Amino acid sequence: MAPLIAASKTNPDELAIFGAAGGSRIITAVAQIALNVLQRNRSTYAAVQQARLHDQLIPNVLSMELDYDNGTVQAMRDKGHVVERVPPGHSSACVVRRRGDGAFEAVAEVRQRNSAGM
């Protein structure tokens, strides 16, 4: 588990906590979901549902989930990456967020079978 806690500078009521399980994929899963929520203003559900990728030095392989389009995959290959296509669910993420209006959002991994989802 690699928790990340993000607090708003401008609204003390706004807070988000991100976490994941999945071995070496934990950090990349948490980072991508946090980016989608905090920078791209996606809902927690949409952020957890979005396709993920994982790059690792050993083995030097870029894992891209099947939801990435072929053009994106080919662009990564053209840049010299060894790309492996993988089904969703190699990491299991969750988010709890208190929005600025006081409402809560809580999402567990929505893409895995037998998950509580939202």
N, C-alpha and C. Protein backbone atom coordinates (compact mmCIF):
# COMPACT_ATOMS: atom_id res chain seq x y z
N MET A 1 0.85 -1.18 0.00
CA MET A 1 0.00 0.00 0.00
C MET A 1 0.89 1.23 0.00
N ALA A 2 0.57 2.17 -0.84
CA ALA A 2 1.33 3.42 -0.91
C ALA A 2 0.35 4.57 -0.79
N PRO A 3 0.00 4.97 0.41
CA PRO A 3 -1.00 6.04 0.52
C PRO A 3 -0.43 7.40 0.12
N LEU A 4 -1.30 8.20 -0.45
CA LEU A 4 -0.99 9.58 -0.78
C LEU A 4 -2.14 10.42 -0.24
N ILE A 5 -1.81 11.41 0.56
CA ILE A 5 -2.83 12.30 1.12
C ILE A 5 -2.61 13.68 0.51
N ALA A 6 -3.66 14.22 -0.09
CA ALA A 6 -3.57 15.53 -0.74
C ALA A 6 -4.59 16.47 -0.10
N ALA A 7 -4.12 17.62 0.34
CA ALA A 7 -4.99 18.62 0.95
C ALA A 7 -4.95 19.88 0.11
N SER A 8 -6.08 20.56 0.04
CA SER A 8 -6.18 21.79 -0.73
C SER A 8 -5.56 22.96 0.03
N LYS A 9 -4.81 23.78 -0.67
CA LYS A 9 -4.25 25.00 -0.06
C LYS A 9 -5.33 26.06 0.16
N THR A 10 -6.32 26.07 -0.71
CA THR A 10 -7.32 27.13 -0.67
C THR A 10 -8.60 26.77 0.08
N ASN A 11 -8.87 25.47 0.24
CA ASN A 11 -10.09 25.04 0.93
C ASN A 11 -9.73 23.94 1.93
N PRO A 12 -9.66 24.25 3.21
CA PRO A 12 -9.26 23.24 4.19
C PRO A 12 -10.24 22.08 4.31
N ASP A 13 -11.44 22.22 3.77
CA ASP A 13 -12.41 21.12 3.82
C ASP A 13 -12.18 20.09 2.72
N GLU A 14 -11.33 20.42 1.74
CA GLU A 14 -11.10 19.51 0.62
C GLU A 14 -9.87 18.66 0.88
N LEU A 15 -10.04 17.34 0.74
CA LEU A 15 -8.99 16.38 1.06
C LEU A 15 -9.19 15.13 0.23
N ALA A 16 -8.12 14.50 -0.20
CA ALA A 16 -8.23 13.23 -0.94
C ALA A 16 -7.14 12.29 -0.46
N ILE A 17 -7.51 11.02 -0.34
CA ILE A 17 -6.57 9.97 0.08
C ILE A 17 -6.60 8.89 -0.99
N PHE A 18 -5.44 8.56 -1.53
CA PHE A 18 -5.30 7.57 -2.60
C PHE A 18 -4.45 6.42 -2.08
N GLY A 19 -4.77 5.22 -2.53
CA GLY A 19 -3.98 4.06 -2.16
C GLY A 19 -4.15 2.96 -3.19
N ALA A 20 -3.25 1.99 -3.16
CA ALA A 20 -3.34 0.87 -4.10
C ALA A 20 -2.57 -0.32 -3.56
N ALA A 21 -2.87 -1.46 -4.14
CA ALA A 21 -2.11 -2.68 -3.92
C ALA A 21 -1.71 -3.19 -5.29
N GLY A 22 -0.63 -3.92 -5.37
CA GLY A 22 -0.22 -4.44 -6.68
C GLY A 22 1.27 -4.49 -6.87
N GLY A 23 2.02 -4.66 -5.78
CA GLY A 23 3.47 -4.82 -5.90
C GLY A 23 4.13 -3.60 -6.51
N SER A 24 4.92 -3.84 -7.55
CA SER A 24 5.68 -2.75 -8.17
C SER A 24 4.78 -1.75 -8.90
N ARG A 25 3.52 -2.07 -9.09
CA ARG A 25 2.61 -1.18 -9.81
C ARG A 25 1.90 -0.18 -8.89
N ILE A 26 2.13 -0.26 -7.62
CA ILE A 26 1.42 0.58 -6.66
C ILE A 26 1.67 2.06 -6.93
N ILE A 27 2.91 2.44 -7.02
CA ILE A 27 3.25 3.87 -7.14
C ILE A 27 2.69 4.45 -8.44
N THR A 28 2.82 3.74 -9.55
CA THR A 28 2.30 4.27 -10.81
C THR A 28 0.78 4.35 -10.80
N ALA A 29 0.11 3.40 -10.17
CA ALA A 29 -1.36 3.45 -10.08
C ALA A 29 -1.80 4.66 -9.26
N VAL A 30 -1.20 4.83 -8.09
CA VAL A 30 -1.57 5.97 -7.23
C VAL A 30 -1.28 7.29 -7.94
N ALA A 31 -0.14 7.40 -8.57
CA ALA A 31 0.22 8.65 -9.25
C ALA A 31 -0.75 8.98 -10.39
N GLN A 32 -1.12 7.99 -11.20
CA GLN A 32 -2.01 8.25 -12.33
C GLN A 32 -3.41 8.64 -11.86
N ILE A 33 -3.90 7.97 -10.83
CA ILE A 33 -5.24 8.29 -10.32
C ILE A 33 -5.24 9.67 -9.67
N ALA A 34 -4.22 9.97 -8.88
CA ALA A 34 -4.13 11.28 -8.25
C ALA A 34 -4.06 12.39 -9.31
N LEU A 35 -3.28 12.18 -10.34
CA LEU A 35 -3.18 13.16 -11.43
C LEU A 35 -4.55 13.40 -12.07
N ASN A 36 -5.29 12.33 -12.30
CA ASN A 36 -6.61 12.46 -12.93
C ASN A 36 -7.61 13.19 -12.04
N VAL A 37 -7.51 13.01 -10.73
CA VAL A 37 -8.43 13.70 -9.82
C VAL A 37 -7.98 15.13 -9.57
N LEU A 38 -6.72 15.31 -9.23
CA LEU A 38 -6.23 16.62 -8.78
C LEU A 38 -5.94 17.60 -9.91
N GLN A 39 -5.41 17.12 -11.02
CA GLN A 39 -5.03 18.01 -12.12
C GLN A 39 -6.09 18.07 -13.22
N ARG A 40 -6.70 16.93 -13.49
CA ARG A 40 -7.64 16.86 -14.61
C ARG A 40 -9.10 16.96 -14.16
N ASN A 41 -9.30 17.14 -12.86
CA ASN A 41 -10.63 17.35 -12.27
C ASN A 41 -11.63 16.25 -12.62
N ARG A 42 -11.16 15.02 -12.71
CA ARG A 42 -12.07 13.90 -12.94
C ARG A 42 -12.65 13.44 -11.62
N SER A 43 -13.82 12.84 -11.69
CA SER A 43 -14.40 12.25 -10.48
C SER A 43 -13.52 11.09 -10.02
N THR A 44 -13.64 10.72 -8.77
CA THR A 44 -12.84 9.60 -8.27
C THR A 44 -13.19 8.32 -9.04
N TYR A 45 -14.46 8.14 -9.35
CA TYR A 45 -14.88 6.95 -10.09
C TYR A 45 -14.22 6.91 -11.47
N ALA A 46 -14.27 8.01 -12.20
CA ALA A 46 -13.67 8.07 -13.54
C ALA A 46 -12.16 7.88 -13.48
N ALA A 47 -11.53 8.43 -12.46
CA ALA A 47 -10.07 8.31 -12.33
C ALA A 47 -9.65 6.87 -12.07
N VAL A 48 -10.37 6.16 -11.23
CA VAL A 48 -10.03 4.77 -10.94
C VAL A 48 -10.35 3.88 -12.14
N GLN A 49 -11.38 4.23 -12.89
CA GLN A 49 -11.81 3.43 -14.03
C GLN A 49 -10.88 3.56 -15.24
N GLN A 50 -10.15 4.64 -15.34
CA GLN A 50 -9.33 4.91 -16.52
C GLN A 50 -8.18 3.91 -16.67
N ALA A 51 -7.82 3.63 -17.93
CA ALA A 51 -6.71 2.73 -18.23
C ALA A 51 -5.41 3.25 -17.63
N ARG A 52 -4.55 2.32 -17.22
CA ARG A 52 -3.26 2.68 -16.61
C ARG A 52 -2.12 2.04 -17.37
N LEU A 53 -0.96 2.61 -17.17
CA LEU A 53 0.26 2.02 -17.70
C LEU A 53 1.28 1.92 -16.57
N HIS A 54 2.27 1.06 -16.78
CA HIS A 54 3.31 0.88 -15.78
C HIS A 54 4.63 0.65 -16.49
N ASP A 55 5.64 1.41 -16.12
CA ASP A 55 6.98 1.27 -16.69
C ASP A 55 7.93 0.88 -15.58
N GLN A 56 8.81 -0.03 -15.90
CA GLN A 56 9.72 -0.56 -14.89
C GLN A 56 11.09 -0.77 -15.53
N LEU A 57 12.13 -0.59 -14.75
CA LEU A 57 13.49 -0.75 -15.28
C LEU A 57 13.83 -2.21 -15.51
N ILE A 58 13.55 -3.06 -14.53
CA ILE A 58 13.87 -4.49 -14.66
C ILE A 58 12.61 -5.29 -14.38
N PRO A 59 12.02 -5.95 -15.34
CA PRO A 59 12.40 -5.93 -16.76
C PRO A 59 11.99 -4.61 -17.40
N ASN A 60 12.73 -4.20 -18.40
CA ASN A 60 12.50 -2.93 -19.07
C ASN A 60 11.34 -3.06 -20.06
N VAL A 61 10.13 -3.09 -19.49
CA VAL A 61 8.92 -3.30 -20.28
C VAL A 61 7.88 -2.28 -19.84
N LEU A 62 7.19 -1.69 -20.80
CA LEU A 62 6.09 -0.79 -20.54
C LEU A 62 4.79 -1.58 -20.65
N SER A 63 4.10 -1.76 -19.54
CA SER A 63 2.81 -2.45 -19.53
C SER A 63 1.72 -1.43 -19.77
N MET A 64 0.93 -1.66 -20.80
CA MET A 64 -0.19 -0.77 -21.13
C MET A 64 -1.47 -1.60 -21.15
N GLU A 65 -2.47 -1.12 -20.45
CA GLU A 65 -3.73 -1.85 -20.41
C GLU A 65 -4.39 -1.85 -21.79
N LEU A 66 -5.23 -2.84 -22.00
CA LEU A 66 -5.86 -3.04 -23.31
C LEU A 66 -6.72 -1.87 -23.76
N ASP A 67 -7.16 -1.04 -22.84
CA ASP A 67 -8.01 0.10 -23.22
C ASP A 67 -7.25 1.22 -23.93
N TYR A 68 -5.92 1.18 -23.92
CA TYR A 68 -5.17 2.17 -24.69
C TYR A 68 -5.35 1.87 -26.17
N ASP A 69 -5.56 2.90 -26.97
CA ASP A 69 -5.77 2.68 -28.40
C ASP A 69 -4.45 2.30 -29.08
N ASN A 70 -4.57 1.66 -30.22
CA ASN A 70 -3.40 1.15 -30.94
C ASN A 70 -2.44 2.27 -31.35
N GLY A 71 -2.96 3.45 -31.63
CA GLY A 71 -2.10 4.57 -32.00
C GLY A 71 -1.19 4.99 -30.86
N THR A 72 -1.73 5.01 -29.65
CA THR A 72 -0.92 5.37 -28.48
C THR A 72 0.14 4.31 -28.23
N VAL A 73 -0.25 3.06 -28.34
CA VAL A 73 0.69 1.95 -28.14
C VAL A 73 1.81 2.03 -29.18
N GLN A 74 1.46 2.27 -30.43
CA GLN A 74 2.47 2.35 -31.49
C GLN A 74 3.39 3.55 -31.26
N ALA A 75 2.85 4.65 -30.79
CA ALA A 75 3.69 5.84 -30.51
C ALA A 75 4.73 5.50 -29.45
N MET A 76 4.35 4.73 -28.45
CA MET A 76 5.32 4.34 -27.42
C MET A 76 6.37 3.39 -28.00
N ARG A 77 5.95 2.48 -28.86
CA ARG A 77 6.92 1.58 -29.52
C ARG A 77 7.88 2.38 -30.40
N ASP A 78 7.35 3.39 -31.10
CA ASP A 78 8.19 4.23 -31.96
C ASP A 78 9.24 4.99 -31.15
N LYS A 79 8.95 5.24 -29.89
CA LYS A 79 9.92 5.91 -29.01
C LYS A 79 10.93 4.94 -28.42
N GLY A 80 10.81 3.65 -28.77
CA GLY A 80 11.78 2.66 -28.32
C GLY A 80 11.35 1.81 -27.15
N HIS A 81 10.10 1.97 -26.68
CA HIS A 81 9.63 1.16 -25.56
C HIS A 81 9.27 -0.25 -26.03
N VAL A 82 9.56 -1.22 -25.19
CA VAL A 82 9.05 -2.57 -25.38
C VAL A 82 7.71 -2.60 -24.66
N VAL A 83 6.63 -2.77 -25.43
CA VAL A 83 5.29 -2.64 -24.88
C VAL A 83 4.66 -4.02 -24.70
N GLU A 84 4.07 -4.20 -23.54
CA GLU A 84 3.30 -5.41 -23.24
C GLU A 84 1.86 -4.97 -22.99
N ARG A 85 0.90 -5.56 -23.69
CA ARG A 85 -0.52 -5.25 -23.48
C ARG A 85 -1.03 -6.16 -22.37
N VAL A 86 -1.70 -5.58 -21.39
CA VAL A 86 -2.20 -6.35 -20.24
C VAL A 86 -3.66 -6.00 -20.00
N PRO A 87 -4.42 -6.95 -19.47
CA PRO A 87 -5.81 -6.63 -19.12
C PRO A 87 -5.84 -5.73 -17.89
N PRO A 88 -6.94 -5.01 -17.68
CA PRO A 88 -7.06 -4.18 -16.48
C PRO A 88 -7.00 -5.03 -15.22
N GLY A 89 -6.57 -4.42 -14.14
CA GLY A 89 -6.62 -5.10 -12.86
C GLY A 89 -5.30 -5.58 -12.32
N HIS A 90 -4.18 -5.15 -12.88
CA HIS A 90 -2.89 -5.54 -12.33
C HIS A 90 -2.55 -4.76 -11.07
N SER A 91 -3.29 -3.72 -10.81
CA SER A 91 -3.20 -2.99 -9.54
C SER A 91 -4.62 -2.77 -9.05
N SER A 92 -4.76 -2.65 -7.77
CA SER A 92 -6.08 -2.45 -7.17
C SER A 92 -6.04 -1.15 -6.37
N ALA A 93 -6.81 -0.18 -6.80
CA ALA A 93 -6.72 1.16 -6.21
C ALA A 93 -8.01 1.54 -5.48
N CYS A 94 -7.86 2.50 -4.58
CA CYS A 94 -9.03 3.05 -3.89
C CYS A 94 -8.77 4.52 -3.58
N VAL A 95 -9.87 5.27 -3.50
CA VAL A 95 -9.80 6.71 -3.23
C VAL A 95 -10.93 7.08 -2.27
N VAL A 96 -10.59 7.90 -1.30
CA VAL A 96 -11.60 8.54 -0.47
C VAL A 96 -11.35 10.04 -0.58
N ARG A 97 -12.40 10.78 -0.88
CA ARG A 97 -12.24 12.22 -1.11
C ARG A 97 -13.36 12.98 -0.41
N ARG A 98 -12.97 14.03 0.27
CA ARG A 98 -13.94 14.98 0.80
C ARG A 98 -13.86 16.21 -0.09
N ARG A 99 -14.94 16.47 -0.81
CA ARG A 99 -14.96 17.60 -1.73
C ARG A 99 -15.11 18.91 -0.97
N GLY A 100 -14.87 19.98 -1.66
CA GLY A 100 -14.96 21.30 -1.04
C GLY A 100 -16.33 21.65 -0.50
N ASP A 101 -17.38 21.01 -1.04
CA ASP A 101 -18.74 21.27 -0.57
C ASP A 101 -19.12 20.39 0.62
N GLY A 102 -18.17 19.58 1.10
CA GLY A 102 -18.41 18.71 2.26
C GLY A 102 -18.88 17.32 1.91
N ALA A 103 -19.24 17.07 0.66
CA ALA A 103 -19.68 15.74 0.24
C ALA A 103 -18.48 14.79 0.14
N PHE A 104 -18.73 13.51 0.35
CA PHE A 104 -17.68 12.50 0.27
C PHE A 104 -17.85 11.65 -0.99
N GLU A 105 -16.74 11.23 -1.56
CA GLU A 105 -16.70 10.24 -2.63
C GLU A 105 -15.77 9.13 -2.14
N ALA A 106 -16.16 7.89 -2.32
CA ALA A 106 -15.31 6.76 -1.97
C ALA A 106 -15.44 5.72 -3.08
N VAL A 107 -14.31 5.31 -3.64
CA VAL A 107 -14.31 4.36 -4.74
C VAL A 107 -13.24 3.31 -4.51
N ALA A 108 -13.64 2.05 -4.60
CA ALA A 108 -12.68 0.95 -4.62
C ALA A 108 -12.51 0.53 -6.07
N GLU A 109 -11.54 -0.30 -6.33
CA GLU A 109 -11.23 -0.72 -7.70
C GLU A 109 -12.49 -1.18 -8.43
N VAL A 110 -12.89 -0.43 -9.45
CA VAL A 110 -14.14 -0.70 -10.15
C VAL A 110 -13.95 -1.68 -11.31
N ARG A 111 -12.70 -1.98 -11.67
CA ARG A 111 -12.44 -2.77 -12.86
C ARG A 111 -12.18 -4.24 -12.58
N GLN A 112 -12.14 -4.62 -11.33
CA GLN A 112 -11.88 -6.01 -10.99
C GLN A 112 -13.17 -6.72 -10.61
N ARG A 113 -13.24 -7.97 -10.99
CA ARG A 113 -14.39 -8.77 -10.59
C ARG A 113 -14.38 -8.95 -9.08
N ASN A 114 -15.51 -8.99 -8.48
CA ASN A 114 -15.68 -9.17 -7.03
C ASN A 114 -15.24 -7.95 -6.22
N SER A 115 -15.15 -6.81 -6.86
CA SER A 115 -14.79 -5.59 -6.16
C SER A 115 -16.05 -4.88 -5.69
N ALA A 116 -15.91 -4.17 -4.59
CA ALA A 116 -17.06 -3.42 -4.08
C ALA A 116 -17.40 -2.26 -5.00
N GLY A 117 -16.43 -1.77 -5.73
CA GLY A 117 -16.67 -0.66 -6.66
C GLY A 117 -17.03 0.61 -5.93
N MET A 118 -18.18 1.18 -6.28
CA MET A 118 -18.57 2.46 -5.71
C MET A 118 -19.91 2.34 -5.05
